């Protein structure tokens, strides 16, 4: 099973909130996921980012591949 770390969209129209989740590569964007490791709110002041760094490192060590956007967020968070 190929596993990716990606964003799952939540929130309402024009006010997005994303959860950073670990999901099967074939699962839909807002579908089933394995683990929730953080959240990202781009419209908040200072682009509010909360992330469980230990879980993120653990999943990357297990072979989960982050999407391009999540990789940029990881870099910002220091993972």
PDB file of N, CA and C in Angstrom:
ATOM      1  N   UNK A   1       0.843  -1.179   0.000  1.00  0.00           N
ATOM      2  CA  UNK A   1       0.000   0.000   0.000  1.00  0.00           C
ATOM      3  C   UNK A   1       0.889   1.243   0.000  1.00  0.00           C
ATOM      4  N   UNK A   2       0.685   2.104  -0.992  1.00  0.00           N
ATOM      5  CA  UNK A   2       1.425   3.361  -1.073  1.00  0.00           C
ATOM      6  C   UNK A   2       0.739   4.393  -0.190  1.00  0.00           C
ATOM      7  N   UNK A   3       1.504   5.014   0.679  1.00  0.00           N
ATOM      8  CA  UNK A   3       0.945   5.962   1.644  1.00  0.00           C
ATOM      9  C   UNK A   3       1.506   7.348   1.364  1.00  0.00           C
ATOM     10  N   UNK A   4       0.610   8.359   1.401  1.00  0.00           N
ATOM     11  CA  UNK A   4       1.001   9.746   1.193  1.00  0.00           C
ATOM     12  C   UNK A   4       0.561  10.603   2.374  1.00  0.00           C
ATOM     13  N   UNK A   5       1.303  11.652   2.618  1.00  0.00           N
ATOM     14  CA  UNK A   5       0.914  12.661   3.595  1.00  0.00           C
ATOM     15  C   UNK A   5       0.418  13.841   2.773  1.00  0.00           C
ATOM     16  N   UNK A   6      -0.844  14.211   2.964  1.00  0.00           N
ATOM     17  CA  UNK A   6      -1.432  15.252   2.132  1.00  0.00           C
ATOM     18  C   UNK A   6      -2.466  16.062   2.902  1.00  0.00           C
ATOM     19  N   UNK A   7      -3.015  17.055   2.228  1.00  0.00           N
ATOM     20  CA  UNK A   7      -4.011  17.926   2.839  1.00  0.00           C
ATOM     21  C   UNK A   7      -5.415  17.405   2.560  1.00  0.00           C
ATOM     22  N   UNK A   8      -6.270  17.520   3.564  1.00  0.00           N
ATOM     23  CA  UNK A   8      -7.681  17.164   3.444  1.00  0.00           C
ATOM     24  C   UNK A   8      -8.470  18.433   3.712  1.00  0.00           C
ATOM     25  N   UNK A   9      -9.272  18.879   2.739  1.00  0.00           N
ATOM     26  CA  UNK A   9      -9.954  20.165   2.865  1.00  0.00           C
ATOM     27  C   UNK A   9     -11.178  20.064   3.757  1.00  0.00           C
ATOM     28  N   UNK A  10     -11.286  21.034   4.639  1.00  0.00           N
ATOM     29  CA  UNK A  10     -12.455  21.196   5.493  1.00  0.00           C
ATOM     30  C   UNK A  10     -12.776  22.678   5.536  1.00  0.00           C
ATOM     31  N   UNK A  11     -13.762  23.057   6.284  1.00  0.00           N
ATOM     32  CA  UNK A  11     -14.127  24.463   6.366  1.00  0.00           C
ATOM     33  C   UNK A  11     -15.267  24.770   5.417  1.00  0.00           C
ATOM     34  N   UNK A  12     -15.547  26.044   5.280  1.00  0.00           N
ATOM     35  CA  UNK A  12     -16.661  26.442   4.423  1.00  0.00           C
ATOM     36  C   UNK A  12     -16.153  27.195   3.199  1.00  0.00           C
ATOM     37  N   UNK A  13     -17.089  27.629   2.387  1.00  0.00           N
ATOM     38  CA  UNK A  13     -16.765  28.336   1.156  1.00  0.00           C
ATOM     39  C   UNK A  13     -15.943  29.591   1.458  1.00  0.00           C
ATOM     40  N   UNK A  14     -14.842  29.746   0.773  1.00  0.00           N
ATOM     41  CA  UNK A  14     -13.930  30.886   0.892  1.00  0.00           C
ATOM     42  C   UNK A  14     -13.269  31.026   2.261  1.00  0.00           C
ATOM     43  N   UNK A  15     -13.372  30.024   3.095  1.00  0.00           N
ATOM     44  CA  UNK A  15     -12.680  30.016   4.381  1.00  0.00           C
ATOM     45  C   UNK A  15     -12.156  28.601   4.627  1.00  0.00           C
ATOM     46  N   UNK A  16     -11.124  28.212   3.879  1.00  0.00           N
ATOM     47  CA  UNK A  16     -10.660  26.833   3.967  1.00  0.00           C
ATOM     48  C   UNK A  16      -9.878  26.546   5.241  1.00  0.00           C
ATOM     49  N   UNK A  17      -9.955  25.305   5.662  1.00  0.00           N
ATOM     50  CA  UNK A  17      -9.132  24.768   6.730  1.00  0.00           C
ATOM     51  C   UNK A  17      -8.712  23.387   6.260  1.00  0.00           C
ATOM     52  N   UNK A  18      -7.465  23.066   6.407  1.00  0.00           N
ATOM     53  CA  UNK A  18      -6.962  21.786   5.941  1.00  0.00           C
ATOM     54  C   UNK A  18      -6.448  20.967   7.109  1.00  0.00           C
ATOM     55  N   UNK A  19      -6.670  19.680   7.053  1.00  0.00           N
ATOM     56  CA  UNK A  19      -6.055  18.744   7.989  1.00  0.00           C
ATOM     57  C   UNK A  19      -4.904  18.068   7.254  1.00  0.00           C
ATOM     58  N   UNK A  20      -3.803  17.890   7.938  1.00  0.00           N
ATOM     59  CA  UNK A  20      -2.671  17.168   7.367  1.00  0.00           C
ATOM     60  C   UNK A  20      -2.851  15.716   7.781  1.00  0.00           C
ATOM     61  N   UNK A  21      -3.100  14.851   6.803  1.00  0.00           N
ATOM     62  CA  UNK A  21      -3.436  13.463   7.082  1.00  0.00           C
ATOM     63  C   UNK A  21      -2.510  12.507   6.340  1.00  0.00           C
ATOM     64  N   UNK A  22      -2.435  11.305   6.867  1.00  0.00           N
ATOM     65  CA  UNK A  22      -1.739  10.208   6.210  1.00  0.00           C
ATOM     66  C   UNK A  22      -2.832   9.341   5.599  1.00  0.00           C
ATOM     67  N   UNK A  23      -2.756   9.143   4.279  1.00  0.00           N
ATOM     68  CA  UNK A  23      -3.814   8.419   3.586  1.00  0.00           C
ATOM     69  C   UNK A  23      -3.226   7.526   2.509  1.00  0.00           C
ATOM     70  N   UNK A  24      -4.012   6.531   2.123  1.00  0.00           N
ATOM     71  CA  UNK A  24      -3.645   5.677   1.001  1.00  0.00           C
ATOM     72  C   UNK A  24      -3.626   6.540  -0.255  1.00  0.00           C
ATOM     73  N   UNK A  25      -2.693   6.287  -1.142  1.00  0.00           N
ATOM     74  CA  UNK A  25      -2.534   7.080  -2.350  1.00  0.00           C
ATOM     75  C   UNK A  25      -3.794   7.078  -3.216  1.00  0.00           C
ATOM     76  N   UNK A  26      -4.549   5.983  -3.192  1.00  0.00           N
ATOM     77  CA  UNK A  26      -5.724   5.852  -4.039  1.00  0.00           C
ATOM     78  C   UNK A  26      -6.998   6.413  -3.418  1.00  0.00           C
ATOM     79  N   UNK A  27      -6.963   6.783  -2.147  1.00  0.00           N
ATOM     80  CA  UNK A  27      -8.147   7.323  -1.467  1.00  0.00           C
ATOM     81  C   UNK A  27      -8.453   8.722  -1.998  1.00  0.00           C
ATOM     82  N   UNK A  28      -9.737   9.106  -2.063  1.00  0.00           N
ATOM     83  CA  UNK A  28     -10.080  10.457  -2.507  1.00  0.00           C
ATOM     84  C   UNK A  28      -9.567  11.532  -1.547  1.00  0.00           C
ATOM     85  N   UNK A  29      -9.497  12.759  -2.033  1.00  0.00           N
ATOM     86  CA  UNK A  29      -8.935  13.859  -1.243  1.00  0.00           C
ATOM     87  C   UNK A  29      -9.590  14.005   0.120  1.00  0.00           C
ATOM     88  N   UNK A  30     -10.915  13.966   0.161  1.00  0.00           N
ATOM     89  CA  UNK A  30     -11.628  14.129   1.422  1.00  0.00           C
ATOM     90  C   UNK A  30     -12.167  12.801   1.943  1.00  0.00           C
ATOM     91  N   UNK A  31     -11.590  11.704   1.495  1.00  0.00           N
ATOM     92  CA  UNK A  31     -12.068  10.387   1.887  1.00  0.00           C
ATOM     93  C   UNK A  31     -11.375   9.852   3.129  1.00  0.00           C
ATOM     94  N   UNK A  32     -11.306   8.540   3.200  1.00  0.00           N
ATOM     95  CA  UNK A  32     -10.741   7.859   4.365  1.00  0.00           C
ATOM     96  C   UNK A  32      -9.254   8.177   4.519  1.00  0.00           C
ATOM     97  N   UNK A  33      -8.817   8.219   5.772  1.00  0.00           N
ATOM     98  CA  UNK A  33      -7.408   8.449   6.057  1.00  0.00           C
ATOM     99  C   UNK A  33      -6.961   7.553   7.199  1.00  0.00           C
ATOM    100  N   UNK A  34      -5.662   7.405   7.352  1.00  0.00           N
ATOM    101  CA  UNK A  34      -5.092   6.518   8.366  1.00  0.00           C
ATOM    102  C   UNK A  34      -4.848   7.272   9.674  1.00  0.00           C
ATOM    103  N   UNK A  35      -4.235   8.450   9.576  1.00  0.00           N
ATOM    104  CA  UNK A  35      -3.900   9.225  10.774  1.00  0.00           C
ATOM    105  C   UNK A  35      -3.982  10.717  10.482  1.00  0.00           C
ATOM    106  N   UNK A  36      -4.346  11.479  11.497  1.00  0.00           N
ATOM    107  CA  UNK A  36      -4.390  12.930  11.423  1.00  0.00           C
ATOM    108  C   UNK A  36      -3.174  13.452  12.187  1.00  0.00           C
ATOM    109  N   UNK A  37      -2.289  14.207  11.520  1.00  0.00           N
ATOM    110  CA  UNK A  37      -1.070  14.648  12.197  1.00  0.00           C
ATOM    111  C   UNK A  37      -0.973  16.165  12.361  1.00  0.00           C
ATOM    112  N   UNK A  38      -1.983  16.909  11.893  1.00  0.00           N
ATOM    113  CA  UNK A  38      -1.924  18.350  12.087  1.00  0.00           C
ATOM    114  C   UNK A  38      -3.016  19.072  11.322  1.00  0.00           C
ATOM    115  N   UNK A  39      -2.938  20.404  11.349  1.00  0.00           N
ATOM    116  CA  UNK A  39      -3.902  21.218  10.621  1.00  0.00           C
ATOM    117  C   UNK A  39      -3.213  22.477  10.106  1.00  0.00           C
ATOM    118  N   UNK A  40      -3.849  23.088   9.098  1.00  0.00           N
ATOM    119  CA  UNK A  40      -3.304  24.280   8.462  1.00  0.00           C
ATOM    120  C   UNK A  40      -4.465  25.190   8.081  1.00  0.00           C
ATOM    121  N   UNK A  41      -4.387  26.455   8.506  1.00  0.00           N
ATOM    122  CA  UNK A  41      -5.424  27.439   8.196  1.00  0.00           C
ATOM    123  C   UNK A  41      -4.775  28.612   7.463  1.00  0.00           C
ATOM    124  N   UNK A  42      -4.830  28.604   6.137  1.00  0.00           N
ATOM    125  CA  UNK A  42      -4.131  29.645   5.376  1.00  0.00           C
ATOM    126  C   UNK A  42      -4.722  31.037   5.511  1.00  0.00           C
ATOM    127  N   UNK A  43      -5.991  31.177   5.845  1.00  0.00           N
ATOM    128  CA  UNK A  43      -6.628  32.491   5.950  1.00  0.00           C
ATOM    129  C   UNK A  43      -6.448  33.126   7.325  1.00  0.00           C
ATOM    130  N   UNK A  44      -5.974  32.362   8.293  1.00  0.00           N
ATOM    131  CA  UNK A  44      -5.745  32.907   9.640  1.00  0.00           C
ATOM    132  C   UNK A  44      -4.527  33.824   9.634  1.00  0.00           C
ATOM    133  N   UNK A  45      -4.428  34.635  10.653  1.00  0.00           N
ATOM    134  CA  UNK A  45      -3.264  35.483  10.806  1.00  0.00           C
ATOM    135  C   UNK A  45      -2.026  34.601  10.963  1.00  0.00           C
ATOM    136  N   UNK A  46      -0.978  34.917  10.238  1.00  0.00           N
ATOM    137  CA  UNK A  46       0.288  34.168  10.245  1.00  0.00           C
ATOM    138  C   UNK A  46       0.142  32.735   9.745  1.00  0.00           C
ATOM    139  N   UNK A  47      -0.888  32.433   8.937  1.00  0.00           N
ATOM    140  CA  UNK A  47      -1.070  31.085   8.372  1.00  0.00           C
ATOM    141  C   UNK A  47      -0.913  30.020   9.447  1.00  0.00           C
ATOM    142  N   UNK A  48      -1.821  29.964  10.372  1.00  0.00           N
ATOM    143  CA  UNK A  48      -1.764  29.077  11.528  1.00  0.00           C
ATOM    144  C   UNK A  48      -1.494  27.633  11.120  1.00  0.00           C
ATOM    145  N   UNK A  49      -0.406  27.074  11.606  1.00  0.00           N
ATOM    146  CA  UNK A  49      -0.001  25.706  11.309  1.00  0.00           C
ATOM    147  C   UNK A  49       0.243  24.980  12.622  1.00  0.00           C
ATOM    148  N   UNK A  50      -0.480  23.883  12.836  1.00  0.00           N
ATOM    149  CA  UNK A  50      -0.221  23.030  13.988  1.00  0.00           C
ATOM    150  C   UNK A  50       0.163  21.669  13.448  1.00  0.00           C
ATOM    151  N   UNK A  51       1.222  21.110  13.986  1.00  0.00           N
ATOM    152  CA  UNK A  51       1.749  19.859  13.455  1.00  0.00           C
ATOM    153  C   UNK A  51       2.381  19.045  14.575  1.00  0.00           C
ATOM    154  N   UNK A  52       2.074  17.759  14.611  1.00  0.00           N
ATOM    155  CA  UNK A  52       2.725  16.843  15.539  1.00  0.00           C
ATOM    156  C   UNK A  52       4.005  16.362  14.851  1.00  0.00           C
ATOM    157  N   UNK A  53       5.105  17.007  15.184  1.00  0.00           N
ATOM    158  CA  UNK A  53       6.383  16.770  14.501  1.00  0.00           C
ATOM    159  C   UNK A  53       6.850  15.328  14.666  1.00  0.00           C
ATOM    160  N   UNK A  54       6.671  14.765  15.847  1.00  0.00           N
ATOM    161  CA  UNK A  54       7.113  13.391  16.081  1.00  0.00           C
ATOM    162  C   UNK A  54       6.362  12.404  15.186  1.00  0.00           C
ATOM    163  N   UNK A  55       5.040  12.563  15.080  1.00  0.00           N
ATOM    164  CA  UNK A  55       4.262  11.682  14.213  1.00  0.00           C
ATOM    165  C   UNK A  55       4.659  11.856  12.755  1.00  0.00           C
ATOM    166  N   UNK A  56       4.921  13.096  12.353  1.00  0.00           N
ATOM    167  CA  UNK A  56       5.326  13.360  10.968  1.00  0.00           C
ATOM    168  C   UNK A  56       6.644  12.658  10.653  1.00  0.00           C
ATOM    169  N   UNK A  57       7.604  12.780  11.546  1.00  0.00           N
ATOM    170  CA  UNK A  57       8.897  12.114  11.331  1.00  0.00           C
ATOM    171  C   UNK A  57       8.739  10.593  11.326  1.00  0.00           C
ATOM    172  N   UNK A  58       7.871  10.094  12.191  1.00  0.00           N
ATOM    173  CA  UNK A  58       7.621   8.659  12.265  1.00  0.00           C
ATOM    174  C   UNK A  58       7.044   8.130  10.946  1.00  0.00           C
ATOM    175  N   UNK A  59       6.063   8.838  10.377  1.00  0.00           N
ATOM    176  CA  UNK A  59       5.452   8.393   9.128  1.00  0.00           C
ATOM    177  C   UNK A  59       6.412   8.510   7.956  1.00  0.00           C
ATOM    178  N   UNK A  60       7.229   9.552   7.927  1.00  0.00           N
ATOM    179  CA  UNK A  60       8.220   9.683   6.855  1.00  0.00           C
ATOM    180  C   UNK A  60       9.247   8.559   6.955  1.00  0.00           C
ATOM    181  N   UNK A  61       9.630   8.190   8.178  1.00  0.00           N
ATOM    182  CA  UNK A  61      10.572   7.083   8.372  1.00  0.00           C
ATOM    183  C   UNK A  61       9.974   5.754   7.914  1.00  0.00           C
ATOM    184  N   UNK A  62       8.645   5.617   8.036  1.00  0.00           N
ATOM    185  CA  UNK A  62       7.975   4.391   7.597  1.00  0.00           C
ATOM    186  C   UNK A  62       7.811   4.334   6.079  1.00  0.00           C
ATOM    187  N   UNK A  63       8.077   5.452   5.384  1.00  0.00           N
ATOM    188  CA  UNK A  63       8.002   5.444   3.931  1.00  0.00           C
ATOM    189  C   UNK A  63       6.880   6.269   3.338  1.00  0.00           C
ATOM    190  N   UNK A  64       6.144   7.021   4.148  1.00  0.00           N
ATOM    191  CA  UNK A  64       5.085   7.871   3.621  1.00  0.00           C
ATOM    192  C   UNK A  64       5.711   9.055   2.882  1.00  0.00           C
ATOM    193  N   UNK A  65       5.166   9.367   1.718  1.00  0.00           N
ATOM    194  CA  UNK A  65       5.712  10.429   0.883  1.00  0.00           C
ATOM    195  C   UNK A  65       4.815  11.663   1.000  1.00  0.00           C
ATOM    196  N   UNK A  66       5.364  12.809   1.428  1.00  0.00           N
ATOM    197  CA  UNK A  66       4.539  14.015   1.519  1.00  0.00           C
ATOM    198  C   UNK A  66       4.289  14.616   0.141  1.00  0.00           C
ATOM    199  N   UNK A  67       3.113  15.239  -0.024  1.00  0.00           N
ATOM    200  CA  UNK A  67       2.821  15.965  -1.257  1.00  0.00           C
ATOM    201  C   UNK A  67       3.713  17.203  -1.299  1.00  0.00           C
ATOM    202  N   UNK A  68       3.739  17.894  -2.438  1.00  0.00           N
ATOM    203  CA  UNK A  68       4.589  19.076  -2.575  1.00  0.00           C
ATOM    204  C   UNK A  68       4.213  20.159  -1.568  1.00  0.00           C
ATOM    205  N   UNK A  69       2.930  20.392  -1.381  1.00  0.00           N
ATOM    206  CA  UNK A  69       2.472  21.419  -0.445  1.00  0.00           C
ATOM    207  C   UNK A  69       2.810  21.037   0.991  1.00  0.00           C
ATOM    208  N   UNK A  70       2.606  19.793   1.347  1.00  0.00           N
ATOM    209  CA  UNK A  70       2.916  19.334   2.703  1.00  0.00           C
ATOM    210  C   UNK A  70       4.423  19.365   2.940  1.00  0.00           C
ATOM    211  N   UNK A  71       5.205  19.058   1.923  1.00  0.00           N
ATOM    212  CA  UNK A  71       6.665  19.135   2.065  1.00  0.00           C
ATOM    213  C   UNK A  71       7.085  20.575   2.367  1.00  0.00           C
ATOM    214  N   UNK A  72       6.459  21.557   1.723  1.00  0.00           N
ATOM    215  CA  UNK A  72       6.767  22.953   2.003  1.00  0.00           C
ATOM    216  C   UNK A  72       6.355  23.327   3.425  1.00  0.00           C
ATOM    217  N   UNK A  73       5.215  22.815   3.889  1.00  0.00           N
ATOM    218  CA  UNK A  73       4.778  23.075   5.274  1.00  0.00           C
ATOM    219  C   UNK A  73       5.720  22.416   6.274  1.00  0.00           C
ATOM    220  N   UNK A  74       6.197  21.222   5.958  1.00  0.00           N
ATOM    221  CA  UNK A  74       7.162  20.539   6.831  1.00  0.00           C
ATOM    222  C   UNK A  74       8.438  21.346   6.934  1.00  0.00           C
ATOM    223  N   UNK A  75       8.876  21.894   5.807  1.00  0.00           N
ATOM    224  CA  UNK A  75      10.093  22.702   5.809  1.00  0.00           C
ATOM    225  C   UNK A  75       9.919  23.944   6.689  1.00  0.00           C
ATOM    226  N   UNK A  76       8.722  24.548   6.613  1.00  0.00           N
ATOM    227  CA  UNK A  76       8.415  25.717   7.437  1.00  0.00           C
ATOM    228  C   UNK A  76       8.398  25.353   8.923  1.00  0.00           C
ATOM    229  N   UNK A  77       7.930  24.143   9.232  1.00  0.00           N
ATOM    230  CA  UNK A  77       7.825  23.705  10.624  1.00  0.00           C
ATOM    231  C   UNK A  77       9.133  23.107  11.145  1.00  0.00           C
ATOM    232  N   UNK A  78      10.078  22.844  10.255  1.00  0.00           N
ATOM    233  CA  UNK A  78      11.367  22.308  10.679  1.00  0.00           C
ATOM    234  C   UNK A  78      11.440  20.809  10.791  1.00  0.00           C
ATOM    235  N   UNK A  79      10.647  20.109   9.981  1.00  0.00           N
ATOM    236  CA  UNK A  79      10.660  18.641  10.010  1.00  0.00           C
ATOM    237  C   UNK A  79      11.709  18.143   9.043  1.00  0.00           C
TER     238      UNK A  79
END
